[in-house]
Amino acid sequence: MTCPAKHRNKKGRGSSRRRRYLRGCVAARDGHRCHYCHTPLAPDLSDATLDHYIPWSLWRANDLANLVLACHPCNETKGAALPWTVAYLLLAHAQAAPPTRPVTVPEPEPKGVSNEQPAA
């Protein structure tokens, strides 16, 4: 689920009503706990923040699949870092991928030397 443009304010953020709705959806899906430290959050989610699991700078989507609840300290600590589990999966995939062929670049000819045949 992405945040429709009609729910965005002038700063490009979703409306507060939309953010509350998303927090409720994520809490219903994952429980009322911080995703990172598993600390219980308030029932009204007043101490919860929505965090992009894969940082917004890498994947600009407000999909529910990419949103988790986090307490303020965990959200501040994570910042725009990629979670180590995602980084590990990317590295494992890169190591398992078949190697690509090396690209060969022809060397430039020395100045004054030409491979062209003289015209007859």
Foldseek 3Di string as FASTA:
>chain_A
DFQDPVQADPVRDGHPVVQQVLVVVQCVVPNQAAPPPRHGADPSNPQWDWAQQQACVVPVTPDSVRIHIHGPVVRVVCPNPHPVVVVVVVVVVVVPDDDDDDDDDDDDDDPPDDPDDDDD
